[in-house]
Amino acid sequence: MALKAGTVASFPNSLAEAMENAMKQEWQAVKGVPLPEQGEEDRRLLFAAIAKGIFVYFKANEDELMNNITLKDVGLGSDKNYEVTQLELNL
């Protein structure tokens, strides 16, 4: 499954949807009541825009995101550490 920023038209299984779900959980925890449905379209627009901005920023700075990766050996060998020389994000 590819990572997906999400749009208002394509919201399911996206970063924007995860933001909305987190908002609902936090609202319930802090306010003690469910997040009102009023304003849902505007919230989704906001979350989709933020998610897209994050993806665009990461794409513009993809080589800054990771410089090494360690692959854990689940067998009898040892972990392997690899330098990441290039990272490419597909938007």
PDB file of N, CA and C in Angstrom:
ATOM      1  N   MET A   1       0.844  -1.184   0.000  1.00  0.00           N
ATOM      2  CA  MET A   1       0.000   0.000   0.000  1.00  0.00           C
ATOM      3  C   MET A   1       0.883   1.240   0.000  1.00  0.00           C
ATOM      4  N   ALA A   2       0.620   2.127  -0.890  1.00  0.00           N
ATOM      5  CA  ALA A   2       1.384   3.371  -0.975  1.00  0.00           C
ATOM      6  C   ALA A   2       0.833   4.399   0.009  1.00  0.00           C
ATOM      7  N   LEU A   3       1.712   5.235   0.485  1.00  0.00           N
ATOM      8  CA  LEU A   3       1.277   6.339   1.334  1.00  0.00           C
ATOM      9  C   LEU A   3       0.474   7.313   0.495  1.00  0.00           C
ATOM     10  N   LYS A   4      -0.527   7.924   1.120  1.00  0.00           N
ATOM     11  CA  LYS A   4      -1.447   8.785   0.373  1.00  0.00           C
ATOM     12  C   LYS A   4      -1.782   9.999   1.235  1.00  0.00           C
ATOM     13  N   ALA A   5      -1.564  11.189   0.690  1.00  0.00           N
ATOM     14  CA  ALA A   5      -1.906  12.412   1.415  1.00  0.00           C
ATOM     15  C   ALA A   5      -3.411  12.507   1.591  1.00  0.00           C
ATOM     16  N   GLY A   6      -4.142  12.271   0.520  1.00  0.00           N
ATOM     17  CA  GLY A   6      -5.593  12.356   0.545  1.00  0.00           C
ATOM     18  C   GLY A   6      -6.088  13.676   0.005  1.00  0.00           C
ATOM     19  N   THR A   7      -7.290  13.648  -0.484  1.00  0.00           N
ATOM     20  CA  THR A   7      -8.001  14.840  -0.940  1.00  0.00           C
ATOM     21  C   THR A   7      -9.421  14.732  -0.393  1.00  0.00           C
ATOM     22  N   VAL A   8     -10.180  15.789  -0.516  1.00  0.00           N
ATOM     23  CA  VAL A   8     -11.574  15.722  -0.084  1.00  0.00           C
ATOM     24  C   VAL A   8     -12.303  14.638  -0.883  1.00  0.00           C
ATOM     25  N   ALA A   9     -11.982  14.520  -2.163  1.00  0.00           N
ATOM     26  CA  ALA A   9     -12.630  13.530  -3.026  1.00  0.00           C
ATOM     27  C   ALA A   9     -12.102  12.114  -2.809  1.00  0.00           C
ATOM     28  N   SER A  10     -10.880  11.981  -2.313  1.00  0.00           N
ATOM     29  CA  SER A  10     -10.254  10.673  -2.086  1.00  0.00           C
ATOM     30  C   SER A  10      -9.691  10.644  -0.670  1.00  0.00           C
ATOM     31  N   PHE A  11     -10.568  10.532   0.292  1.00  0.00           N
ATOM     32  CA  PHE A  11     -10.223  10.674   1.708  1.00  0.00           C
ATOM     33  C   PHE A  11      -9.846   9.368   2.414  1.00  0.00           C
ATOM     34  N   PRO A  12     -10.509   8.239   2.116  1.00  0.00           N
ATOM     35  CA  PRO A  12     -10.233   7.004   2.860  1.00  0.00           C
ATOM     36  C   PRO A  12      -8.780   6.537   2.743  1.00  0.00           C
ATOM     37  N   ASN A  13      -8.281   5.961   3.837  1.00  0.00           N
ATOM     38  CA  ASN A  13      -6.928   5.384   3.899  1.00  0.00           C
ATOM     39  C   ASN A  13      -5.839   6.393   3.567  1.00  0.00           C
ATOM     40  N   SER A  14      -6.004   7.623   4.037  1.00  0.00           N
ATOM     41  CA  SER A  14      -5.029   8.676   3.742  1.00  0.00           C
ATOM     42  C   SER A  14      -4.518   9.316   5.033  1.00  0.00           C
ATOM     43  N   LEU A  15      -3.462  10.095   4.896  1.00  0.00           N
ATOM     44  CA  LEU A  15      -2.957  10.874   6.022  1.00  0.00           C
ATOM     45  C   LEU A  15      -4.024  11.849   6.504  1.00  0.00           C
ATOM     46  N   ALA A  16      -4.761  12.444   5.580  1.00  0.00           N
ATOM     47  CA  ALA A  16      -5.832  13.371   5.954  1.00  0.00           C
ATOM     48  C   ALA A  16      -6.887  12.671   6.810  1.00  0.00           C
ATOM     49  N   GLU A  17      -7.249  11.453   6.453  1.00  0.00           N
ATOM     50  CA  GLU A  17      -8.226  10.697   7.248  1.00  0.00           C
ATOM     51  C   GLU A  17      -7.656  10.378   8.630  1.00  0.00           C
ATOM     52  N   ALA A  18      -6.378  10.029   8.693  1.00  0.00           N
ATOM     53  CA  ALA A  18      -5.752   9.758   9.993  1.00  0.00           C
ATOM     54  C   ALA A  18      -5.779  11.006  10.872  1.00  0.00           C
ATOM     55  N   MET A  19      -5.574  12.180  10.263  1.00  0.00           N
ATOM     56  CA  MET A  19      -5.655  13.432  11.022  1.00  0.00           C
ATOM     57  C   MET A  19      -7.067  13.652  11.544  1.00  0.00           C
ATOM     58  N   GLU A  20      -8.061  13.402  10.707  1.00  0.00           N
ATOM     59  CA  GLU A  20      -9.443  13.570  11.135  1.00  0.00           C
ATOM     60  C   GLU A  20      -9.768  12.613  12.284  1.00  0.00           C
ATOM     61  N   ASN A  21      -9.332  11.373  12.180  1.00  0.00           N
ATOM     62  CA  ASN A  21      -9.579  10.402  13.241  1.00  0.00           C
ATOM     63  C   ASN A  21      -8.900  10.807  14.549  1.00  0.00           C
ATOM     64  N   ALA A  22      -7.677  11.315  14.441  1.00  0.00           N
ATOM     65  CA  ALA A  22      -6.976  11.789  15.637  1.00  0.00           C
ATOM     66  C   ALA A  22      -7.703  12.974  16.258  1.00  0.00           C
ATOM     67  N   MET A  23      -8.229  13.852  15.428  1.00  0.00           N
ATOM     68  CA  MET A  23      -8.995  14.999  15.909  1.00  0.00           C
ATOM     69  C   MET A  23     -10.226  14.537  16.673  1.00  0.00           C
ATOM     70  N   LYS A  24     -10.925  13.547  16.125  1.00  0.00           N
ATOM     71  CA  LYS A  24     -12.108  13.014  16.793  1.00  0.00           C
ATOM     72  C   LYS A  24     -11.760  12.426  18.159  1.00  0.00           C
ATOM     73  N   GLN A  25     -10.653  11.675  18.225  1.00  0.00           N
ATOM     74  CA  GLN A  25     -10.231  11.073  19.487  1.00  0.00           C
ATOM     75  C   GLN A  25      -9.844  12.131  20.509  1.00  0.00           C
ATOM     76  N   GLU A  26      -9.081  13.115  20.086  1.00  0.00           N
ATOM     77  CA  GLU A  26      -8.642  14.170  21.002  1.00  0.00           C
ATOM     78  C   GLU A  26      -9.815  15.020  21.471  1.00  0.00           C
ATOM     79  N   TRP A  27     -10.733  15.329  20.552  1.00  0.00           N
ATOM     80  CA  TRP A  27     -11.914  16.121  20.914  1.00  0.00           C
ATOM     81  C   TRP A  27     -12.699  15.388  22.006  1.00  0.00           C
ATOM     82  N   GLN A  28     -12.929  14.093  21.781  1.00  0.00           N
ATOM     83  CA  GLN A  28     -13.675  13.289  22.753  1.00  0.00           C
ATOM     84  C   GLN A  28     -12.946  13.255  24.090  1.00  0.00           C
ATOM     85  N   ALA A  29     -11.629  13.094  24.051  1.00  0.00           N
ATOM     86  CA  ALA A  29     -10.850  13.010  25.290  1.00  0.00           C
ATOM     87  C   ALA A  29     -10.863  14.322  26.065  1.00  0.00           C
ATOM     88  N   VAL A  30     -10.762  15.427  25.375  1.00  0.00           N
ATOM     89  CA  VAL A  30     -10.673  16.727  26.035  1.00  0.00           C
ATOM     90  C   VAL A  30     -12.051  17.295  26.372  1.00  0.00           C
ATOM     91  N   LYS A  31     -12.967  17.210  25.433  1.00  0.00           N
ATOM     92  CA  LYS A  31     -14.284  17.831  25.603  1.00  0.00           C
ATOM     93  C   LYS A  31     -15.317  16.901  26.241  1.00  0.00           C
ATOM     94  N   GLY A  32     -15.064  15.595  26.155  1.00  0.00           N
ATOM     95  CA  GLY A  32     -15.999  14.645  26.730  1.00  0.00           C
ATOM     96  C   GLY A  32     -17.241  14.392  25.890  1.00  0.00           C
ATOM     97  N   VAL A  33     -17.259  14.907  24.677  1.00  0.00           N
ATOM     98  CA  VAL A  33     -18.379  14.704  23.750  1.00  0.00           C
ATOM     99  C   VAL A  33     -17.795  14.440  22.360  1.00  0.00           C
ATOM    100  N   PRO A  34     -18.560  13.764  21.491  1.00  0.00           N
ATOM    101  CA  PRO A  34     -18.060  13.531  20.133  1.00  0.00           C
ATOM    102  C   PRO A  34     -17.853  14.835  19.360  1.00  0.00           C
ATOM    103  N   LEU A  35     -16.916  14.802  18.430  1.00  0.00           N
ATOM    104  CA  LEU A  35     -16.676  15.937  17.539  1.00  0.00           C
ATOM    105  C   LEU A  35     -17.944  16.206  16.736  1.00  0.00           C
ATOM    106  N   PRO A  36     -18.435  17.433  16.729  1.00  0.00           N
ATOM    107  CA  PRO A  36     -19.657  17.730  15.976  1.00  0.00           C
ATOM    108  C   PRO A  36     -19.474  17.477  14.476  1.00  0.00           C
ATOM    109  N   GLU A  37     -20.532  17.009  13.835  1.00  0.00           N
ATOM    110  CA  GLU A  37     -20.483  16.809  12.382  1.00  0.00           C
ATOM    111  C   GLU A  37     -20.464  18.136  11.649  1.00  0.00           C
ATOM    112  N   GLN A  38     -21.016  19.170  12.274  1.00  0.00           N
ATOM    113  CA  GLN A  38     -21.002  20.503  11.666  1.00  0.00           C
ATOM    114  C   GLN A  38     -19.553  20.911  11.394  1.00  0.00           C
ATOM    115  N   GLY A  39     -19.267  21.354  10.202  1.00  0.00           N
ATOM    116  CA  GLY A  39     -17.923  21.776   9.821  1.00  0.00           C
ATOM    117  C   GLY A  39     -17.049  20.662   9.277  1.00  0.00           C
ATOM    118  N   GLU A  40     -17.611  19.443   9.107  1.00  0.00           N
ATOM    119  CA  GLU A  40     -16.807  18.315   8.633  1.00  0.00           C
ATOM    120  C   GLU A  40     -16.161  18.586   7.275  1.00  0.00           C
ATOM    121  N   GLU A  41     -16.891  19.182   6.351  1.00  0.00           N
ATOM    122  CA  GLU A  41     -16.341  19.451   5.015  1.00  0.00           C
ATOM    123  C   GLU A  41     -15.139  20.396   5.103  1.00  0.00           C
ATOM    124  N   ASP A  42     -15.255  21.432   5.922  1.00  0.00           N
ATOM    125  CA  ASP A  42     -14.137  22.371   6.086  1.00  0.00           C
ATOM    126  C   ASP A  42     -12.947  21.703   6.764  1.00  0.00           C
ATOM    127  N   ARG A  43     -13.212  20.836   7.767  1.00  0.00           N
ATOM    128  CA  ARG A  43     -12.116  20.115   8.428  1.00  0.00           C
ATOM    129  C   ARG A  43     -11.399  19.214   7.437  1.00  0.00           C
ATOM    130  N   ARG A  44     -12.181  18.509   6.634  1.00  0.00           N
ATOM    131  CA  ARG A  44     -11.562  17.607   5.655  1.00  0.00           C
ATOM    132  C   ARG A  44     -10.721  18.384   4.642  1.00  0.00           C
ATOM    133  N   LEU A  45     -11.204  19.534   4.234  1.00  0.00           N
ATOM    134  CA  LEU A  45     -10.443  20.400   3.331  1.00  0.00           C
ATOM    135  C   LEU A  45      -9.127  20.817   3.996  1.00  0.00           C
ATOM    136  N   LEU A  46      -9.210  21.210   5.259  1.00  0.00           N
ATOM    137  CA  LEU A  46      -8.009  21.616   6.005  1.00  0.00           C
ATOM    138  C   LEU A  46      -7.035  20.459   6.148  1.00  0.00           C
ATOM    139  N   PHE A  47      -7.517  19.283   6.577  1.00  0.00           N
ATOM    140  CA  PHE A  47      -6.633  18.133   6.763  1.00  0.00           C
ATOM    141  C   PHE A  47      -6.006  17.688   5.444  1.00  0.00           C
ATOM    142  N   ALA A  48      -6.774  17.721   4.355  1.00  0.00           N
ATOM    143  CA  ALA A  48      -6.229  17.343   3.043  1.00  0.00           C
ATOM    144  C   ALA A  48      -5.143  18.325   2.611  1.00  0.00           C
ATOM    145  N   ALA A  49      -5.361  19.605   2.857  1.00  0.00           N
ATOM    146  CA  ALA A  49      -4.355  20.611   2.488  1.00  0.00           C
ATOM    147  C   ALA A  49      -3.091  20.441   3.322  1.00  0.00           C
ATOM    148  N   ILE A  50      -3.233  20.201   4.610  1.00  0.00           N
ATOM    149  CA  ILE A  50      -2.064  19.999   5.479  1.00  0.00           C
ATOM    150  C   ILE A  50      -1.307  18.747   5.050  1.00  0.00           C
ATOM    151  N   ALA A  51      -2.037  17.656   4.816  1.00  0.00           N
ATOM    152  CA  ALA A  51      -1.388  16.408   4.400  1.00  0.00           C
ATOM    153  C   ALA A  51      -0.633  16.586   3.086  1.00  0.00           C
ATOM    154  N   LYS A  52      -1.248  17.276   2.130  1.00  0.00           N
ATOM    155  CA  LYS A  52      -0.578  17.516   0.842  1.00  0.00           C
ATOM    156  C   LYS A  52       0.669  18.365   1.059  1.00  0.00           C
ATOM    157  N   GLY A  53       0.571  19.382   1.895  1.00  0.00           N
ATOM    158  CA  GLY A  53       1.734  20.216   2.193  1.00  0.00           C
ATOM    159  C   GLY A  53       2.871  19.417   2.802  1.00  0.00           C
ATOM    160  N   ILE A  54       2.545  18.486   3.692  1.00  0.00           N
ATOM    161  CA  ILE A  54       3.569  17.627   4.300  1.00  0.00           C
ATOM    162  C   ILE A  54       4.237  16.785   3.222  1.00  0.00           C
ATOM    163  N   PHE A  55       3.431  16.166   2.356  1.00  0.00           N
ATOM    164  CA  PHE A  55       4.001  15.336   1.292  1.00  0.00           C
ATOM    165  C   PHE A  55       4.885  16.159   0.353  1.00  0.00           C
ATOM    166  N   VAL A  56       4.430  17.333  -0.030  1.00  0.00           N
ATOM    167  CA  VAL A  56       5.210  18.193  -0.931  1.00  0.00           C
ATOM    168  C   VAL A  56       6.524  18.598  -0.263  1.00  0.00           C
ATOM    169  N   TYR A  57       6.464  18.945   1.015  1.00  0.00           N
ATOM    170  CA  TYR A  57       7.670  19.332   1.749  1.00  0.00           C
ATOM    171  C   TYR A  57       8.647  18.156   1.835  1.00  0.00           C
ATOM    172  N   PHE A  58       8.138  16.976   2.180  1.00  0.00           N
ATOM    173  CA  PHE A  58       9.005  15.802   2.254  1.00  0.00           C
ATOM    174  C   PHE A  58       9.616  15.484   0.899  1.00  0.00           C
ATOM    175  N   LYS A  59       8.838  15.615  -0.182  1.00  0.00           N
ATOM    176  CA  LYS A  59       9.362  15.352  -1.529  1.00  0.00           C
ATOM    177  C   LYS A  59      10.486  16.331  -1.863  1.00  0.00           C
ATOM    178  N   ALA A  60      10.303  17.595  -1.511  1.00  0.00           N
ATOM    179  CA  ALA A  60      11.321  18.613  -1.802  1.00  0.00           C
ATOM    180  C   ALA A  60      12.583  18.399  -0.973  1.00  0.00           C
ATOM    181  N   ASN A  61      12.453  17.685   0.139  1.00  0.00           N
ATOM    182  CA  ASN A  61      13.593  17.482   1.047  1.00  0.00           C
ATOM    183  C   ASN A  61      13.843  15.999   1.313  1.00  0.00           C
ATOM    184  N   GLU A  62      13.524  15.159   0.343  1.00  0.00           N
ATOM    185  CA  GLU A  62      13.570  13.724   0.566  1.00  0.00           C
ATOM    186  C   GLU A  62      14.948  13.198   0.970  1.00  0.00           C
ATOM    187  N   ASP A  63      16.017  13.756   0.468  1.00  0.00           N
ATOM    188  CA  ASP A  63      17.349  13.276   0.828  1.00  0.00           C
ATOM    189  C   ASP A  63      17.746  13.660   2.249  1.00  0.00           C
ATOM    190  N   GLU A  64      16.994  14.554   2.864  1.00  0.00           N
ATOM    191  CA  GLU A  64      17.256  14.957   4.246  1.00  0.00           C
ATOM    192  C   GLU A  64      16.533  14.052   5.245  1.00  0.00           C
ATOM    193  N   LEU A  65      15.572  13.274   4.777  1.00  0.00           N
ATOM    194  CA  LEU A  65      14.727  12.501   5.680  1.00  0.00           C
ATOM    195  C   LEU A  65      15.433  11.313   6.317  1.00  0.00           C
ATOM    196  N   MET A  66      16.304  10.663   5.580  1.00  0.00           N
ATOM    197  CA  MET A  66      16.916   9.444   6.081  1.00  0.00           C
ATOM    198  C   MET A  66      18.341   9.340   5.547  1.00  0.00           C
ATOM    199  N   ASN A  67      19.270   9.020   6.434  1.00  0.00           N
ATOM    200  CA  ASN A  67      20.634   8.836   5.945  1.00  0.00           C
ATOM    201  C   ASN A  67      21.170   7.435   6.207  1.00  0.00           C
ATOM    202  N   ASN A  68      20.459   6.638   7.018  1.00  0.00           N
ATOM    203  CA  ASN A  68      20.838   5.236   7.146  1.00  0.00           C
ATOM    204  C   ASN A  68      19.624   4.419   7.563  1.00  0.00           C
ATOM    205  N   ILE A  69      19.746   3.147   7.316  1.00  0.00           N
ATOM    206  CA  ILE A  69      18.675   2.216   7.669  1.00  0.00           C
ATOM    207  C   ILE A  69      19.317   0.950   8.210  1.00  0.00           C
ATOM    208  N   THR A  70      18.735   0.407   9.256  1.00  0.00           N
ATOM    209  CA  THR A  70      19.213  -0.841   9.831  1.00  0.00           C
ATOM    210  C   THR A  70      18.167  -1.914   9.591  1.00  0.00           C
ATOM    211  N   LEU A  71      18.588  -2.992   8.981  1.00  0.00           N
ATOM    212  CA  LEU A  71      17.709  -4.135   8.763  1.00  0.00           C
ATOM    213  C   LEU A  71      17.988  -5.148   9.867  1.00  0.00           C
ATOM    214  N   LYS A  72      16.971  -5.428  10.652  1.00  0.00           N
ATOM    215  CA  LYS A  72      17.097  -6.356  11.773  1.00  0.00           C
ATOM    216  C   LYS A  72      17.090  -7.781  11.252  1.00  0.00           C
ATOM    217  N   ASP A  73      18.048  -8.572  11.715  1.00  0.00           N
ATOM    218  CA  ASP A  73      18.109  -9.984  11.356  1.00  0.00           C
ATOM    219  C   ASP A  73      17.318 -10.762  12.401  1.00  0.00           C
ATOM    220  N   VAL A  74      16.278 -11.457  11.967  1.00  0.00           N
ATOM    221  CA  VAL A  74      15.462 -12.220  12.896  1.00  0.00           C
ATOM    222  C   VAL A  74      15.980 -13.649  13.064  1.00  0.00           C
ATOM    223  N   GLY A  75      16.996 -13.996  12.305  1.00  0.00           N
ATOM    224  CA  GLY A  75      17.597 -15.330  12.410  1.00  0.00           C
ATOM    225  C   GLY A  75      18.796 -15.300  13.353  1.00  0.00           C
ATOM    226  N   LEU A  76      19.824 -16.032  12.998  1.00  0.00           N
ATOM    227  CA  LEU A  76      21.012 -16.134  13.843  1.00  0.00           C
ATOM    228  C   LEU A  76      22.112 -15.157  13.455  1.00  0.00           C
ATOM    229  N   GLY A  77      21.918 -14.402  12.389  1.00  0.00           N
ATOM    230  CA  GLY A  77      22.940 -13.459  11.936  1.00  0.00           C
ATOM    231  C   GLY A  77      22.918 -12.179  12.757  1.00  0.00           C
ATOM    232  N   SER A  78      23.480 -11.146  12.203  1.00  0.00           N
ATOM    233  CA  SER A  78      23.508  -9.857  12.904  1.00  0.00           C
ATOM    234  C   SER A  78      22.791  -8.806  12.073  1.00  0.00           C
ATOM    235  N   ASP A  79      22.406  -7.718  12.744  1.00  0.00           N
ATOM    236  CA  ASP A  79      21.751  -6.612  12.053  1.00  0.00           C
ATOM    237  C   ASP A  79      22.705  -6.011  11.027  1.00  0.00           C
ATOM    238  N   LYS A  80      22.155  -5.488   9.962  1.00  0.00           N
ATOM    239  CA  LYS A  80      22.945  -4.836   8.906  1.00  0.00           C
ATOM    240  C   LYS A  80      22.552  -3.375   8.831  1.00  0.00           C
ATOM    241  N   ASN A  81      23.546  -2.486   8.860  1.00  0.00           N
ATOM    242  CA  ASN A  81      23.319  -1.052   8.759  1.00  0.00           C
ATOM    243  C   ASN A  81      23.764  -0.596   7.371  1.00  0.00           C
ATOM    244  N   TYR A  82      22.886   0.092   6.668  1.00  0.00           N
ATOM    245  CA  TYR A  82      23.175   0.564   5.322  1.00  0.00           C
ATOM    246  C   TYR A  82      23.028   2.075   5.266  1.00  0.00           C
ATOM    247  N   GLU A  83      23.935   2.722   4.556  1.00  0.00           N
ATOM    248  CA  GLU A  83      23.822   4.156   4.314  1.00  0.00           C
ATOM    249  C   GLU A  83      22.843   4.376   3.170  1.00  0.00           C
ATOM    250  N   VAL A  84      21.942   5.328   3.354  1.00  0.00           N
ATOM    251  CA  VAL A  84      20.994   5.676   2.309  1.00  0.00           C
ATOM    252  C   VAL A  84      21.579   6.874   1.559  1.00  0.00           C
ATOM    253  N   THR A  85      21.910   6.660   0.298  1.00  0.00           N
ATOM    254  CA  THR A  85      22.508   7.740  -0.480  1.00  0.00           C
ATOM    255  C   THR A  85      21.485   8.543  -1.258  1.00  0.00           C
ATOM    256  N   GLN A  86      20.320   7.935  -1.489  1.00  0.00           N
ATOM    257  CA  GLN A  86      19.262   8.649  -2.209  1.00  0.00           C
ATOM    258  C   GLN A  86      17.926   8.062  -1.794  1.00  0.00           C
ATOM    259  N   LEU A  87      16.982   8.950  -1.554  1.00  0.00           N
ATOM    260  CA  LEU A  87      15.628   8.553  -1.214  1.00  0.00           C
ATOM    261  C   LEU A  87      14.697   9.238  -2.191  1.00  0.00           C
ATOM    262  N   GLU A  88      13.772   8.497  -2.755  1.00  0.00           N
ATOM    263  CA  GLU A  88      12.823   9.103  -3.694  1.00  0.00           C
ATOM    264  C   GLU A  88      11.411   8.802  -3.236  1.00  0.00           C
ATOM    265  N   LEU A  89      10.650   9.840  -3.004  1.00  0.00           N
ATOM    266  CA  LEU A  89       9.247   9.711  -2.652  1.00  0.00           C
ATOM    267  C   LEU A  89       8.398   9.924  -3.883  1.00  0.00           C
ATOM    268  N   ASN A  90       7.419   9.078  -4.073  1.00  0.00           N
ATOM    269  CA  ASN A  90       6.501   9.219  -5.210  1.00  0.00           C
ATOM    270  C   ASN A  90       5.224   9.853  -4.718  1.00  0.00           C
ATOM    271  N   LEU A  91       4.875  11.002  -5.301  1.00  0.00           N
ATOM    272  CA  LEU A  91       3.646  11.695  -4.897  1.00  0.00           C
ATOM    273  C   LEU A  91       2.542  11.440  -5.875  1.00  0.00           C
TER     274      LEU A  91
END
